[in-house]
Amino acid sequence: MIRSIVVHDIPADAVAAMERWYHRVHAPEIVRRYGPWLARHESFVPVTPPSEAAAFGSFSWRVTDGWWRELPEPGPRGTLCFTPPPVWPRVATCFLPAQPTEDFLGWDTLPEERACFRWHVLQRYPHGVPISEGEDWFLKTHAPELCALPGLRRFFSSRVIQDPLRLPGVWADGKEPPADTILPVWHRVSELWFESLSDWRAAVVESAEGLTPPAWATRPGYPFVEPGRDFVSSFLLERPTDEFLRDLRGYLP
């Protein structure tokens, strides 16, 4: 089993039209077409981020999480094309193992003890940096320092699957998403949980000066790379906004 993550960013003016498209058209198409392969198809609408979140590549719209028993072969394969959205979102997308490859902090907290905000992060090492070098910094230096941030309650992470995989589905000729709206090739997906956005601010904004930058940093200060291009994040609640396999009855051919 593997997971697909798609993190979306759209203009605020497009939210109403995009929500209508997502519920009326896109989610039913996914459920009807790929339900037999999917174990879970969930989507989260992020909470309004703190003002400082722009410096950390905050993406504004849905984070969709697909859990695949296996991937169907890409291409039409007896189906119709997908219905294009009213606005093409900017998306960061990747595949990762169903379970985190590393679990750093907080697994022994009981669910009822505290609520949380999940800071969901996709990051990649800059072009030209060997993955092994980036991983050495992340695992030996960065992750231990993150664990020491004040107010951090939970922290786990996954190495992204680097073998080329395609999200199944096709768009009609001439109606594909523009190439510059898709951000592929990620190396890490992480979640850092905080009890409040104030705790996130105290840890990530006010206490991050002590974090050690890698030798290949492209920007001063955390996250050390270009936000919105090499580092993307969203603030999620505990439960998904929609669980489409359970709540949606697809009727499309």
C-alpha atoms as a PDB file:
ATOM      1  CA  MET A   1       0.000   0.000   0.000  1.00  0.00           C
ATOM      2  CA  ILE A   2       1.191   3.532  -0.777  1.00  0.00           C
ATOM      3  CA  ARG A   3      -0.183   7.028  -0.261  1.00  0.00           C
ATOM      4  CA  SER A   4      -0.590   9.936  -2.646  1.00  0.00           C
ATOM      5  CA  ILE A   5      -0.490  13.484  -1.298  1.00  0.00           C
ATOM      6  CA  VAL A   6      -1.750  16.472  -3.279  1.00  0.00           C
ATOM      7  CA  VAL A   7      -1.441  19.924  -1.688  1.00  0.00           C
ATOM      8  CA  HIS A   8      -3.311  22.719  -3.484  1.00  0.00           C
ATOM      9  CA  ASP A   9      -2.966  26.484  -3.611  1.00  0.00           C
ATOM     10  CA  ILE A  10      -5.594  28.710  -5.237  1.00  0.00           C
ATOM     11  CA  PRO A  11      -6.593  32.396  -5.123  1.00  0.00           C
ATOM     12  CA  ALA A  12      -9.161  33.210  -2.440  1.00  0.00           C
ATOM     13  CA  ASP A  13     -11.615  34.385  -5.113  1.00  0.00           C
ATOM     14  CA  ALA A  14     -11.670  30.874  -6.602  1.00  0.00           C
ATOM     15  CA  VAL A  15     -12.575  28.958  -3.438  1.00  0.00           C
ATOM     16  CA  ALA A  16     -16.362  28.886  -3.958  1.00  0.00           C
ATOM     17  CA  ALA A  17     -16.129  27.719  -7.566  1.00  0.00           C
ATOM     18  CA  MET A  18     -13.421  25.191  -6.762  1.00  0.00           C
ATOM     19  CA  GLU A  19     -15.358  23.711  -3.833  1.00  0.00           C
ATOM     20  CA  ARG A  20     -18.390  23.265  -6.088  1.00  0.00           C
ATOM     21  CA  TRP A  21     -16.260  21.549  -8.747  1.00  0.00           C
ATOM     22  CA  TYR A  22     -14.538  19.351  -6.181  1.00  0.00           C
ATOM     23  CA  HIS A  23     -17.744  18.074  -4.589  1.00  0.00           C
ATOM     24  CA  ARG A  24     -19.982  17.920  -7.644  1.00  0.00           C
ATOM     25  CA  VAL A  25     -17.499  16.653 -10.206  1.00  0.00           C
ATOM     26  CA  HIS A  26     -13.966  15.767  -9.201  1.00  0.00           C
ATOM     27  CA  ALA A  27     -14.501  13.671  -6.080  1.00  0.00           C
ATOM     28  CA  PRO A  28     -17.303  11.619  -7.724  1.00  0.00           C
ATOM     29  CA  GLU A  29     -15.051  10.983 -10.720  1.00  0.00           C
ATOM     30  CA  ILE A  30     -12.248   9.753  -8.468  1.00  0.00           C
ATOM     31  CA  VAL A  31     -14.513   7.559  -6.323  1.00  0.00           C
ATOM     32  CA  ARG A  32     -16.339   5.994  -9.253  1.00  0.00           C
ATOM     33  CA  ARG A  33     -13.184   5.363 -11.252  1.00  0.00           C
ATOM     34  CA  TYR A  34     -10.677   4.347  -8.613  1.00  0.00           C
ATOM     35  CA  GLY A  35     -12.749   3.207  -5.645  1.00  0.00           C
ATOM     36  CA  PRO A  36     -11.779  -0.465  -6.136  1.00  0.00           C
ATOM     37  CA  TRP A  37      -8.092   0.434  -5.759  1.00  0.00           C
ATOM     38  CA  LEU A  38      -8.474   2.969  -2.948  1.00  0.00           C
ATOM     39  CA  ALA A  39      -8.616   2.090   0.743  1.00  0.00           C
ATOM     40  CA  ARG A  40      -9.067   5.720   1.831  1.00  0.00           C
ATOM     41  CA  HIS A  41      -9.743   8.935  -0.069  1.00  0.00           C
ATOM     42  CA  GLU A  42      -9.677  11.874   2.328  1.00  0.00           C
ATOM     43  CA  SER A  43      -9.341  15.606   1.951  1.00  0.00           C
ATOM     44  CA  PHE A  44      -8.566  18.360   4.432  1.00  0.00           C
ATOM     45  CA  VAL A  45      -9.428  22.038   4.119  1.00  0.00           C
ATOM     46  CA  PRO A  46      -6.587  23.855   5.923  1.00  0.00           C
ATOM     47  CA  VAL A  47      -7.296  26.271   8.734  1.00  0.00           C
ATOM     48  CA  THR A  48      -6.425  29.929   8.202  1.00  0.00           C
ATOM     49  CA  PRO A  49      -2.657  30.068   8.693  1.00  0.00           C
ATOM     50  CA  PRO A  50      -0.796  32.552  10.894  1.00  0.00           C
ATOM     51  CA  SER A  51       0.459  35.636   9.069  1.00  0.00           C
ATOM     52  CA  GLU A  52       4.032  34.375   9.380  1.00  0.00           C
ATOM     53  CA  ALA A  53       3.209  31.186   7.467  1.00  0.00           C
ATOM     54  CA  ALA A  54       3.882  32.783   4.068  1.00  0.00           C
ATOM     55  CA  ALA A  55       7.590  32.518   4.837  1.00  0.00           C
ATOM     56  CA  PHE A  56       7.084  28.751   5.033  1.00  0.00           C
ATOM     57  CA  GLY A  57       5.365  28.256   1.696  1.00  0.00           C
ATOM     58  CA  SER A  58       1.819  28.125   3.042  1.00  0.00           C
ATOM     59  CA  PHE A  59      -0.619  26.594   0.535  1.00  0.00           C
ATOM     60  CA  SER A  60      -4.177  27.769   0.988  1.00  0.00           C
ATOM     61  CA  TRP A  61      -6.523  25.054  -0.270  1.00  0.00           C
ATOM     62  CA  ARG A  62      -7.115  21.333   0.105  1.00  0.00           C
ATOM     63  CA  VAL A  63      -4.678  18.602   1.096  1.00  0.00           C
ATOM     64  CA  THR A  64      -5.926  15.357  -0.431  1.00  0.00           C
ATOM     65  CA  ASP A  65      -4.667  12.056   0.923  1.00  0.00           C
ATOM     66  CA  GLY A  66      -5.194   8.849  -1.065  1.00  0.00           C
ATOM     67  CA  TRP A  67      -4.376   5.408   0.334  1.00  0.00           C
ATOM     68  CA  TRP A  68      -3.920   2.957  -2.549  1.00  0.00           C
ATOM     69  CA  ARG A  69      -3.999  -0.820  -2.202  1.00  0.00           C
ATOM     70  CA  GLU A  70      -2.308  -0.703  -5.585  1.00  0.00           C
ATOM     71  CA  LEU A  71      -2.196   1.783  -8.437  1.00  0.00           C
ATOM     72  CA  PRO A  72      -4.267   1.144 -11.558  1.00  0.00           C
ATOM     73  CA  GLU A  73      -2.460   1.501 -14.840  1.00  0.00           C
ATOM     74  CA  PRO A  74      -2.419   5.122 -16.028  1.00  0.00           C
ATOM     75  CA  GLY A  75      -4.244   6.231 -19.123  1.00  0.00           C
ATOM     76  CA  PRO A  76      -7.888   6.063 -20.247  1.00  0.00           C
ATOM     77  CA  ARG A  77      -8.316   2.288 -19.689  1.00  0.00           C
ATOM     78  CA  GLY A  78     -12.021   2.304 -20.454  1.00  0.00           C
ATOM     79  CA  THR A  79     -12.851   5.589 -18.715  1.00  0.00           C
ATOM     80  CA  LEU A  80     -13.649   9.128 -19.795  1.00  0.00           C
ATOM     81  CA  CYS A  81     -11.384  12.117 -19.242  1.00  0.00           C
ATOM     82  CA  PHE A  82     -11.468  14.153 -16.051  1.00  0.00           C
ATOM     83  CA  THR A  83     -13.525  17.339 -15.928  1.00  0.00           C
ATOM     84  CA  PRO A  84     -11.174  20.360 -15.774  1.00  0.00           C
ATOM     85  CA  PRO A  85     -11.512  22.730 -12.798  1.00  0.00           C
ATOM     86  CA  PRO A  86     -12.654  26.344 -13.155  1.00  0.00           C
ATOM     87  CA  VAL A  87      -9.159  27.431 -12.056  1.00  0.00           C
ATOM     88  CA  TRP A  88      -6.014  25.324 -12.237  1.00  0.00           C
ATOM     89  CA  PRO A  89      -4.564  25.110  -8.725  1.00  0.00           C
ATOM     90  CA  ARG A  90      -0.881  25.125  -8.028  1.00  0.00           C
ATOM     91  CA  VAL A  91      -0.175  21.667  -6.612  1.00  0.00           C
ATOM     92  CA  ALA A  92       2.635  19.896  -4.787  1.00  0.00           C
ATOM     93  CA  THR A  93       2.232  16.148  -5.172  1.00  0.00           C
ATOM     94  CA  CYS A  94       4.119  12.974  -4.329  1.00  0.00           C
ATOM     95  CA  PHE A  95       3.838   9.325  -3.320  1.00  0.00           C
ATOM     96  CA  LEU A  96       5.055   7.992   0.019  1.00  0.00           C
ATOM     97  CA  PRO A  97       4.854   4.805   2.092  1.00  0.00           C
ATOM     98  CA  ALA A  98       1.604   4.183   3.940  1.00  0.00           C
ATOM     99  CA  GLN A  99       3.437   4.369   7.276  1.00  0.00           C
ATOM    100  CA  PRO A 100       6.052   7.014   8.166  1.00  0.00           C
ATOM    101  CA  THR A 101       9.630   5.931   7.652  1.00  0.00           C
ATOM    102  CA  GLU A 102      10.646   7.778  10.838  1.00  0.00           C
ATOM    103  CA  ASP A 103       8.664   8.514  14.001  1.00  0.00           C
ATOM    104  CA  PHE A 104      10.613  11.001  16.092  1.00  0.00           C
ATOM    105  CA  LEU A 105       8.412  12.302  18.899  1.00  0.00           C
ATOM    106  CA  GLY A 106       5.176  11.929  20.833  1.00  0.00           C
ATOM    107  CA  TRP A 107       3.647   8.590  19.946  1.00  0.00           C
ATOM    108  CA  ASP A 108       2.701   7.862  23.570  1.00  0.00           C
ATOM    109  CA  THR A 109       0.284  10.797  23.935  1.00  0.00           C
ATOM    110  CA  LEU A 110      -3.309   9.652  24.476  1.00  0.00           C
ATOM    111  CA  PRO A 111      -5.726  11.035  21.851  1.00  0.00           C
ATOM    112  CA  GLU A 112      -8.034  12.656  24.435  1.00  0.00           C
ATOM    113  CA  GLU A 113      -5.246  14.459  26.273  1.00  0.00           C
ATOM    114  CA  ARG A 114      -4.955  17.430  23.931  1.00  0.00           C
ATOM    115  CA  ALA A 115      -6.181  18.755  20.609  1.00  0.00           C
ATOM    116  CA  CYS A 116      -3.690  19.686  17.929  1.00  0.00           C
ATOM    117  CA  PHE A 117      -2.862  21.577  14.782  1.00  0.00           C
ATOM    118  CA  ARG A 118      -0.950  19.433  12.295  1.00  0.00           C
ATOM    119  CA  TRP A 119       1.724  21.373  10.437  1.00  0.00           C
ATOM    120  CA  HIS A 120       1.944  19.352   7.221  1.00  0.00           C
ATOM    121  CA  VAL A 121       5.210  19.955   5.343  1.00  0.00           C
ATOM    122  CA  LEU A 122       6.576  18.884   1.959  1.00  0.00           C
ATOM    123  CA  GLN A 123      10.217  19.689   1.353  1.00  0.00           C
ATOM    124  CA  ARG A 124      12.887  18.944  -1.176  1.00  0.00           C
ATOM    125  CA  TYR A 125      16.605  19.421  -1.263  1.00  0.00           C
ATOM    126  CA  PRO A 126      17.732  21.994  -3.842  1.00  0.00           C
ATOM    127  CA  HIS A 127      18.650  20.931  -7.345  1.00  0.00           C
ATOM    128  CA  GLY A 128      22.117  19.417  -7.400  1.00  0.00           C
ATOM    129  CA  VAL A 129      22.148  18.329  -3.750  1.00  0.00           C
ATOM    130  CA  PRO A 130      22.505  14.519  -3.505  1.00  0.00           C
ATOM    131  CA  ILE A 131      19.597  12.970  -1.631  1.00  0.00           C
ATOM    132  CA  SER A 132      22.039  11.149   0.631  1.00  0.00           C
ATOM    133  CA  GLU A 133      23.569  14.497   1.672  1.00  0.00           C
ATOM    134  CA  GLY A 134      20.173  16.039   2.333  1.00  0.00           C
ATOM    135  CA  GLU A 135      19.064  12.997   4.325  1.00  0.00           C
ATOM    136  CA  ASP A 136      22.230  13.028   6.399  1.00  0.00           C
ATOM    137  CA  TRP A 137      21.483  16.612   7.487  1.00  0.00           C
ATOM    138  CA  PHE A 138      17.790  15.956   8.058  1.00  0.00           C
ATOM    139  CA  LEU A 139      18.197  12.812  10.150  1.00  0.00           C
ATOM    140  CA  LYS A 140      21.371  13.610  12.106  1.00  0.00           C
ATOM    141  CA  THR A 141      21.047  17.372  12.619  1.00  0.00           C
ATOM    142  CA  HIS A 142      17.667  18.815  11.710  1.00  0.00           C
ATOM    143  CA  ALA A 143      15.222  16.267  13.156  1.00  0.00           C
ATOM    144  CA  PRO A 144      16.887  16.175  16.612  1.00  0.00           C
ATOM    145  CA  GLU A 145      16.849  19.987  16.743  1.00  0.00           C
ATOM    146  CA  LEU A 146      13.181  20.093  15.721  1.00  0.00           C
ATOM    147  CA  CYS A 147      12.355  17.630  18.498  1.00  0.00           C
ATOM    148  CA  ALA A 148      13.742  20.137  20.999  1.00  0.00           C
ATOM    149  CA  LEU A 149      11.486  23.007  19.861  1.00  0.00           C
ATOM    150  CA  PRO A 150       9.200  24.230  22.653  1.00  0.00           C
ATOM    151  CA  GLY A 151       5.571  23.144  22.345  1.00  0.00           C
ATOM    152  CA  LEU A 152       6.129  20.437  19.723  1.00  0.00           C
ATOM    153  CA  ARG A 153       3.872  17.475  20.642  1.00  0.00           C
ATOM    154  CA  ARG A 154       4.259  15.067  17.737  1.00  0.00           C
ATOM    155  CA  PHE A 155       6.754  14.698  14.882  1.00  0.00           C
ATOM    156  CA  PHE A 156       7.017  12.019  12.220  1.00  0.00           C
ATOM    157  CA  SER A 157       8.256  11.980   8.643  1.00  0.00           C
ATOM    158  CA  SER A 158       8.436   9.904   5.461  1.00  0.00           C
ATOM    159  CA  ARG A 159      10.979   9.604   2.718  1.00  0.00           C
ATOM    160  CA  VAL A 160       9.126  10.184  -0.545  1.00  0.00           C
ATOM    161  CA  ILE A 161       9.102   7.397  -3.133  1.00  0.00           C
ATOM    162  CA  GLN A 162      11.504   8.541  -5.851  1.00  0.00           C
ATOM    163  CA  ASP A 163      10.650   5.944  -8.503  1.00  0.00           C
ATOM    164  CA  PRO A 164       8.556   7.615 -11.211  1.00  0.00           C
ATOM    165  CA  LEU A 165       4.865   7.051 -10.491  1.00  0.00           C
ATOM    166  CA  ARG A 166       1.871   8.690 -12.130  1.00  0.00           C
ATOM    167  CA  LEU A 167      -1.348   9.726 -10.497  1.00  0.00           C
ATOM    168  CA  PRO A 168      -3.866   7.775 -12.558  1.00  0.00           C
ATOM    169  CA  GLY A 169      -6.264   9.666 -14.764  1.00  0.00           C
ATOM    170  CA  VAL A 170      -6.139  11.697 -17.940  1.00  0.00           C
ATOM    171  CA  TRP A 171      -7.288  15.101 -19.084  1.00  0.00           C
ATOM    172  CA  ALA A 172      -8.649  15.800 -22.561  1.00  0.00           C
ATOM    173  CA  ASP A 173      -6.124  16.928 -25.163  1.00  0.00           C
ATOM    174  CA  GLY A 174      -5.471  20.620 -24.797  1.00  0.00           C
ATOM    175  CA  LYS A 175      -7.058  20.748 -21.333  1.00  0.00           C
ATOM    176  CA  GLU A 176      -4.190  19.414 -19.243  1.00  0.00           C
ATOM    177  CA  PRO A 177      -2.963  21.367 -16.211  1.00  0.00           C
ATOM    178  CA  PRO A 178      -0.231  23.826 -17.199  1.00  0.00           C
ATOM    179  CA  ALA A 179       3.217  22.440 -16.478  1.00  0.00           C
ATOM    180  CA  ASP A 180       4.143  25.398 -14.282  1.00  0.00           C
ATOM    181  CA  THR A 181       1.276  24.617 -11.864  1.00  0.00           C
ATOM    182  CA  ILE A 182       2.698  21.235 -10.804  1.00  0.00           C
ATOM    183  CA  LEU A 183       5.545  20.942  -8.301  1.00  0.00           C
ATOM    184  CA  PRO A 184       6.852  17.351  -8.401  1.00  0.00           C
ATOM    185  CA  VAL A 185      10.048  15.745  -7.048  1.00  0.00           C
ATOM    186  CA  TRP A 186       9.806  16.005  -3.278  1.00  0.00           C
ATOM    187  CA  HIS A 187      12.070  14.278  -0.785  1.00  0.00           C
ATOM    188  CA  ARG A 188      10.288  14.499   2.590  1.00  0.00           C
ATOM    189  CA  VAL A 189       6.733  14.722   3.919  1.00  0.00           C
ATOM    190  CA  SER A 190       6.594  15.563   7.633  1.00  0.00           C
ATOM    191  CA  GLU A 191       3.996  16.380  10.255  1.00  0.00           C
ATOM    192  CA  LEU A 192       4.710  18.512  13.300  1.00  0.00           C
ATOM    193  CA  TRP A 193       1.826  18.806  15.755  1.00  0.00           C
ATOM    194  CA  PHE A 194       1.228  21.741  18.074  1.00  0.00           C
ATOM    195  CA  GLU A 195      -1.563  22.349  20.535  1.00  0.00           C
ATOM    196  CA  SER A 196      -2.204  25.866  19.191  1.00  0.00           C
ATOM    197  CA  LEU A 197      -1.071  28.167  16.423  1.00  0.00           C
ATOM    198  CA  SER A 198       0.527  30.303  19.132  1.00  0.00           C
ATOM    199  CA  ASP A 199       2.655  27.288  20.068  1.00  0.00           C
ATOM    200  CA  TRP A 200       3.635  26.890  16.412  1.00  0.00           C
ATOM    201  CA  ARG A 201       4.626  30.546  16.249  1.00  0.00           C
ATOM    202  CA  ALA A 202       6.655  30.325  19.463  1.00  0.00           C
ATOM    203  CA  ALA A 203       8.516  27.268  18.176  1.00  0.00           C
ATOM    204  CA  VAL A 204       8.936  27.809  14.447  1.00  0.00           C
ATOM    205  CA  VAL A 205       9.106  31.602  14.235  1.00  0.00           C
ATOM    206  CA  GLU A 206      10.551  32.679  17.575  1.00  0.00           C
ATOM    207  CA  SER A 207      12.794  29.722  18.464  1.00  0.00           C
ATOM    208  CA  ALA A 208      14.047  28.611  15.045  1.00  0.00           C
ATOM    209  CA  GLU A 209      17.138  30.834  15.130  1.00  0.00           C
ATOM    210  CA  GLY A 210      18.967  28.003  16.855  1.00  0.00           C
ATOM    211  CA  LEU A 211      18.355  25.527  14.028  1.00  0.00           C
ATOM    212  CA  THR A 212      21.492  24.537  12.137  1.00  0.00           C
ATOM    213  CA  PRO A 213      21.383  25.331   8.392  1.00  0.00           C
ATOM    214  CA  PRO A 214      22.741  22.786   5.933  1.00  0.00           C
ATOM    215  CA  ALA A 215      25.848  23.583   3.914  1.00  0.00           C
ATOM    216  CA  TRP A 216      23.673  23.740   0.792  1.00  0.00           C
ATOM    217  CA  ALA A 217      21.120  26.244   2.197  1.00  0.00           C
ATOM    218  CA  THR A 218      19.843  28.655  -0.452  1.00  0.00           C
ATOM    219  CA  ARG A 219      18.322  31.156   2.005  1.00  0.00           C
ATOM    220  CA  PRO A 220      19.294  32.449   5.435  1.00  0.00           C
ATOM    221  CA  GLY A 221      17.008  31.292   8.225  1.00  0.00           C
ATOM    222  CA  TYR A 222      14.604  28.393   8.494  1.00  0.00           C
ATOM    223  CA  PRO A 223      13.403  26.678   6.282  1.00  0.00           C
ATOM    224  CA  PHE A 224      16.767  27.362   4.538  1.00  0.00           C
ATOM    225  CA  VAL A 225      15.280  26.860   1.019  1.00  0.00           C
ATOM    226  CA  GLU A 226      12.838  28.723  -1.218  1.00  0.00           C
ATOM    227  CA  PRO A 227       9.351  28.723   0.365  1.00  0.00           C
ATOM    228  CA  GLY A 228       6.562  27.803  -2.016  1.00  0.00           C
ATOM    229  CA  ARG A 229       8.985  26.048  -4.322  1.00  0.00           C
ATOM    230  CA  ASP A 230      11.216  23.789  -2.196  1.00  0.00           C
ATOM    231  CA  PHE A 231       9.187  23.961   1.033  1.00  0.00           C
ATOM    232  CA  VAL A 232       5.371  23.843   1.138  1.00  0.00           C
ATOM    233  CA  SER A 233       3.183  23.651   4.218  1.00  0.00           C
ATOM    234  CA  SER A 234      -0.445  23.591   5.374  1.00  0.00           C
ATOM    235  CA  PHE A 235      -2.159  23.700   8.779  1.00  0.00           C
ATOM    236  CA  LEU A 236      -4.602  20.828   9.236  1.00  0.00           C
ATOM    237  CA  LEU A 237      -6.938  19.707  11.982  1.00  0.00           C
ATOM    238  CA  GLU A 238      -7.088  16.175  13.332  1.00  0.00           C
ATOM    239  CA  ARG A 239      -9.892  14.821  11.165  1.00  0.00           C
ATOM    240  CA  PRO A 240     -10.395  15.155   7.419  1.00  0.00           C
ATOM    241  CA  THR A 241     -13.027  17.546   6.129  1.00  0.00           C
ATOM    242  CA  ASP A 242     -14.266  14.870   3.728  1.00  0.00           C
ATOM    243  CA  GLU A 243     -13.962  11.078   3.595  1.00  0.00           C
ATOM    244  CA  PHE A 244     -15.179  10.527   0.076  1.00  0.00           C
ATOM    245  CA  LEU A 245     -15.247   6.730  -0.057  1.00  0.00           C
ATOM    246  CA  ARG A 246     -17.563   6.705   2.942  1.00  0.00           C
ATOM    247  CA  ASP A 247     -19.638   9.847   2.349  1.00  0.00           C
ATOM    248  CA  LEU A 248     -19.940  10.136  -1.426  1.00  0.00           C
ATOM    249  CA  ARG A 249     -21.885   7.883  -3.768  1.00  0.00           C
ATOM    250  CA  GLY A 250     -20.350   8.339  -7.194  1.00  0.00           C
ATOM    251  CA  TYR A 251     -22.766   7.882 -10.098  1.00  0.00           C
ATOM    252  CA  LEU A 252     -20.716   8.890 -13.098  1.00  0.00           C
ATOM    253  CA  PRO A 253     -19.879   6.332 -15.838  1.00  0.00           C
END
